[in-house]
Amino acid sequence: MLAEGIDIPWWDEKGWGFRISIFTSILARGKPSKYPVLADEAILRHSRTYDRVLAIIVEISFVFCMLLGGIIYFFFDN
């Protein structure tokens, strides 16, 4: 993407932080957003099927971890 002239956003120049969650949501959704924060079309163009599968796994595991954390907090709290 750097070869195409697409730079890293100013709000994420210091590390991975927010970028990972945005990339996984774009790849899991599989289509560009109406109001893109990043270059959605370029990300989708350069991604592989393997990347999309990993993004879906990350999204699903996050939801399950949040549900499990909520269940443990509300039902097993002393």
N, C-alpha and C. Protein backbone atom coordinates (compact mmCIF):
# COMPACT_ATOMS: atom_id res chain seq x y z
N MET A 1 0.82 -1.18 0.00
CA MET A 1 0.00 0.00 0.00
C MET A 1 0.87 1.26 0.00
N LEU A 2 2.05 1.15 0.62
CA LEU A 2 2.96 2.29 0.59
C LEU A 2 3.43 2.58 -0.83
N ALA A 3 3.55 1.52 -1.67
CA ALA A 3 3.96 1.71 -3.06
C ALA A 3 2.90 2.47 -3.85
N GLU A 4 1.64 2.36 -3.45
CA GLU A 4 0.56 3.08 -4.12
C GLU A 4 0.41 4.52 -3.60
N GLY A 5 1.17 4.87 -2.58
CA GLY A 5 1.09 6.22 -2.01
C GLY A 5 0.10 6.35 -0.88
N ILE A 6 -0.34 5.23 -0.32
CA ILE A 6 -1.28 5.25 0.80
C ILE A 6 -0.46 5.18 2.08
N ASP A 7 -0.47 6.26 2.84
CA ASP A 7 0.34 6.34 4.05
C ASP A 7 -0.42 5.83 5.27
N ILE A 8 0.33 5.64 6.34
CA ILE A 8 -0.25 5.29 7.63
C ILE A 8 -0.97 6.53 8.16
N PRO A 9 -2.17 6.37 8.71
CA PRO A 9 -2.90 7.53 9.23
C PRO A 9 -2.13 8.21 10.36
N TRP A 10 -2.33 9.49 10.51
CA TRP A 10 -1.62 10.27 11.52
C TRP A 10 -1.94 9.81 12.93
N TRP A 11 -3.15 9.26 13.15
CA TRP A 11 -3.55 8.87 14.48
C TRP A 11 -2.99 7.51 14.89
N ASP A 12 -2.29 6.83 13.97
CA ASP A 12 -1.76 5.51 14.31
C ASP A 12 -0.32 5.35 13.83
N GLU A 13 0.46 6.39 13.90
CA GLU A 13 1.84 6.31 13.44
C GLU A 13 2.76 5.65 14.46
N LYS A 14 2.38 5.57 15.70
CA LYS A 14 3.27 5.06 16.75
C LYS A 14 3.19 3.56 16.96
N GLY A 15 2.24 2.85 16.39
CA GLY A 15 2.18 1.41 16.65
C GLY A 15 0.94 0.75 16.08
N TRP A 16 0.65 -0.43 16.60
CA TRP A 16 -0.42 -1.28 16.07
C TRP A 16 -1.79 -0.91 16.61
N GLY A 17 -1.87 -0.46 17.80
CA GLY A 17 -3.07 -0.06 18.50
C GLY A 17 -4.41 -0.19 17.80
N PHE A 18 -4.90 0.91 17.32
CA PHE A 18 -6.24 0.99 16.76
C PHE A 18 -6.30 0.36 15.36
N ARG A 19 -5.18 0.26 14.71
CA ARG A 19 -5.13 -0.24 13.33
C ARG A 19 -5.63 -1.68 13.22
N ILE A 20 -5.29 -2.53 14.18
CA ILE A 20 -5.67 -3.93 14.12
C ILE A 20 -7.19 -4.09 14.13
N SER A 21 -7.87 -3.37 15.02
CA SER A 21 -9.32 -3.50 15.09
C SER A 21 -10.00 -2.98 13.83
N ILE A 22 -9.46 -1.94 13.23
CA ILE A 22 -10.05 -1.41 12.00
C ILE A 22 -9.81 -2.37 10.84
N PHE A 23 -8.60 -2.91 10.73
CA PHE A 23 -8.31 -3.84 9.65
C PHE A 23 -9.18 -5.09 9.76
N THR A 24 -9.32 -5.65 10.97
CA THR A 24 -10.14 -6.85 11.11
C THR A 24 -11.60 -6.57 10.80
N SER A 25 -12.11 -5.41 11.19
CA SER A 25 -13.51 -5.12 10.88
C SER A 25 -13.72 -4.93 9.38
N ILE A 26 -12.77 -4.31 8.70
CA ILE A 26 -12.90 -4.14 7.25
C ILE A 26 -12.84 -5.49 6.55
N LEU A 27 -11.87 -6.32 6.95
CA LEU A 27 -11.71 -7.62 6.29
C LEU A 27 -12.86 -8.57 6.61
N ALA A 28 -13.35 -8.55 7.84
CA ALA A 28 -14.47 -9.43 8.20
C ALA A 28 -15.75 -9.01 7.49
N ARG A 29 -15.95 -7.70 7.34
CA ARG A 29 -17.14 -7.20 6.65
C ARG A 29 -17.07 -7.50 5.16
N GLY A 30 -15.89 -7.37 4.57
CA GLY A 30 -15.70 -7.72 3.17
C GLY A 30 -16.12 -6.67 2.16
N LYS A 31 -16.53 -5.51 2.62
CA LYS A 31 -16.90 -4.44 1.70
C LYS A 31 -16.49 -3.11 2.31
N PRO A 32 -16.23 -2.11 1.48
CA PRO A 32 -15.81 -0.82 2.03
C PRO A 32 -16.92 -0.11 2.78
N SER A 33 -16.52 0.69 3.74
CA SER A 33 -17.46 1.45 4.55
C SER A 33 -17.96 2.67 3.77
N LYS A 34 -19.11 3.19 4.16
CA LYS A 34 -19.62 4.42 3.54
C LYS A 34 -18.74 5.61 3.90
N TYR A 35 -18.23 5.61 5.13
CA TYR A 35 -17.37 6.68 5.62
C TYR A 35 -16.04 6.07 6.07
N PRO A 36 -15.13 5.80 5.15
CA PRO A 36 -13.92 5.07 5.51
C PRO A 36 -12.94 5.88 6.35
N VAL A 37 -12.36 5.20 7.34
CA VAL A 37 -11.31 5.79 8.16
C VAL A 37 -9.96 5.54 7.50
N LEU A 38 -9.83 4.38 6.89
CA LEU A 38 -8.64 4.02 6.13
C LEU A 38 -9.03 3.84 4.66
N ALA A 39 -8.08 3.44 3.85
CA ALA A 39 -8.35 3.17 2.44
C ALA A 39 -8.95 1.76 2.33
N ASP A 40 -10.24 1.64 2.57
CA ASP A 40 -10.91 0.34 2.61
C ASP A 40 -10.74 -0.45 1.31
N GLU A 41 -10.90 0.22 0.20
CA GLU A 41 -10.81 -0.48 -1.09
C GLU A 41 -9.41 -1.03 -1.32
N ALA A 42 -8.39 -0.30 -0.93
CA ALA A 42 -7.01 -0.78 -1.08
C ALA A 42 -6.74 -1.95 -0.14
N ILE A 43 -7.27 -1.89 1.06
CA ILE A 43 -7.08 -2.99 2.01
C ILE A 43 -7.73 -4.25 1.48
N LEU A 44 -8.94 -4.13 0.97
CA LEU A 44 -9.63 -5.29 0.42
C LEU A 44 -8.95 -5.80 -0.85
N ARG A 45 -8.39 -4.92 -1.63
CA ARG A 45 -7.72 -5.32 -2.86
C ARG A 45 -6.43 -6.10 -2.58
N HIS A 46 -5.72 -5.74 -1.53
CA HIS A 46 -4.45 -6.38 -1.20
C HIS A 46 -4.59 -7.56 -0.25
N SER A 47 -5.76 -7.81 0.27
CA SER A 47 -5.94 -8.90 1.23
C SER A 47 -6.12 -10.23 0.51
N ARG A 48 -5.76 -11.28 1.23
CA ARG A 48 -5.94 -12.64 0.72
C ARG A 48 -7.13 -13.27 1.42
N THR A 49 -7.57 -14.40 0.93
CA THR A 49 -8.66 -15.13 1.57
C THR A 49 -8.26 -15.53 2.98
N TYR A 50 -7.01 -15.92 3.15
CA TYR A 50 -6.48 -16.30 4.47
C TYR A 50 -6.61 -15.14 5.46
N ASP A 51 -6.33 -13.93 5.01
CA ASP A 51 -6.45 -12.75 5.88
C ASP A 51 -7.89 -12.53 6.31
N ARG A 52 -8.80 -12.74 5.40
CA ARG A 52 -10.22 -12.55 5.72
C ARG A 52 -10.71 -13.60 6.70
N VAL A 53 -10.25 -14.83 6.54
CA VAL A 53 -10.63 -15.90 7.48
C VAL A 53 -10.09 -15.58 8.87
N LEU A 54 -8.84 -15.15 8.96
CA LEU A 54 -8.27 -14.78 10.25
C LEU A 54 -9.02 -13.61 10.88
N ALA A 55 -9.43 -12.65 10.09
CA ALA A 55 -10.18 -11.51 10.61
C ALA A 55 -11.53 -11.95 11.18
N ILE A 56 -12.19 -12.86 10.50
CA ILE A 56 -13.47 -13.37 11.00
C ILE A 56 -13.27 -14.14 12.30
N ILE A 57 -12.19 -14.92 12.38
CA ILE A 57 -11.89 -15.66 13.61
C ILE A 57 -11.62 -14.69 14.76
N VAL A 58 -10.90 -13.61 14.50
CA VAL A 58 -10.62 -12.62 15.54
C VAL A 58 -11.91 -11.97 16.01
N GLU A 59 -12.79 -11.60 15.09
CA GLU A 59 -14.05 -10.96 15.46
C GLU A 59 -14.92 -11.91 16.30
N ILE A 60 -15.03 -13.17 15.89
CA ILE A 60 -15.86 -14.14 16.61
C ILE A 60 -15.27 -14.43 17.98
N SER A 61 -13.95 -14.59 18.05
CA SER A 61 -13.34 -14.89 19.35
C SER A 61 -13.47 -13.70 20.30
N PHE A 62 -13.43 -12.47 19.79
CA PHE A 62 -13.63 -11.31 20.64
C PHE A 62 -15.04 -11.30 21.24
N VAL A 63 -16.03 -11.60 20.43
CA VAL A 63 -17.42 -11.62 20.92
C VAL A 63 -17.58 -12.71 21.98
N PHE A 64 -17.04 -13.90 21.72
CA PHE A 64 -17.16 -14.99 22.69
C PHE A 64 -16.42 -14.67 23.99
N CYS A 65 -15.26 -14.03 23.91
CA CYS A 65 -14.53 -13.66 25.12
C CYS A 65 -15.30 -12.62 25.93
N MET A 66 -15.92 -11.67 25.25
CA MET A 66 -16.71 -10.67 25.96
C MET A 66 -17.93 -11.32 26.63
N LEU A 67 -18.59 -12.24 25.93
CA LEU A 67 -19.73 -12.95 26.53
C LEU A 67 -19.28 -13.78 27.73
N LEU A 68 -18.19 -14.50 27.58
CA LEU A 68 -17.68 -15.31 28.68
C LEU A 68 -17.29 -14.44 29.86
N GLY A 69 -16.66 -13.32 29.61
CA GLY A 69 -16.30 -12.40 30.68
C GLY A 69 -17.53 -11.86 31.39
N GLY A 70 -18.58 -11.53 30.64
CA GLY A 70 -19.83 -11.06 31.24
C GLY A 70 -20.50 -12.12 32.08
N ILE A 71 -20.51 -13.35 31.59
CA ILE A 71 -21.11 -14.46 32.35
C ILE A 71 -20.35 -14.70 33.63
N ILE A 72 -19.04 -14.73 33.54
CA ILE A 72 -18.22 -14.94 34.74
C ILE A 72 -18.41 -13.80 35.73
N TYR A 73 -18.45 -12.59 35.24
CA TYR A 73 -18.60 -11.43 36.13
C TYR A 73 -19.94 -11.43 36.87
N PHE A 74 -21.02 -11.69 36.14
CA PHE A 74 -22.34 -11.58 36.76
C PHE A 74 -22.77 -12.83 37.53
N PHE A 75 -22.31 -14.02 37.12
CA PHE A 75 -22.80 -15.22 37.77
C PHE A 75 -21.83 -15.83 38.77
N PHE A 76 -20.55 -15.55 38.63
CA PHE A 76 -19.57 -16.18 39.52
C PHE A 76 -18.80 -15.17 40.35
N ASP A 77 -19.33 -13.99 40.50
CA ASP A 77 -18.69 -12.97 41.32
C ASP A 77 -19.03 -13.22 42.80
N ASN A 78 -18.04 -13.13 43.65
CA ASN A 78 -18.28 -13.38 45.09
C ASN A 78 -18.74 -12.13 45.77
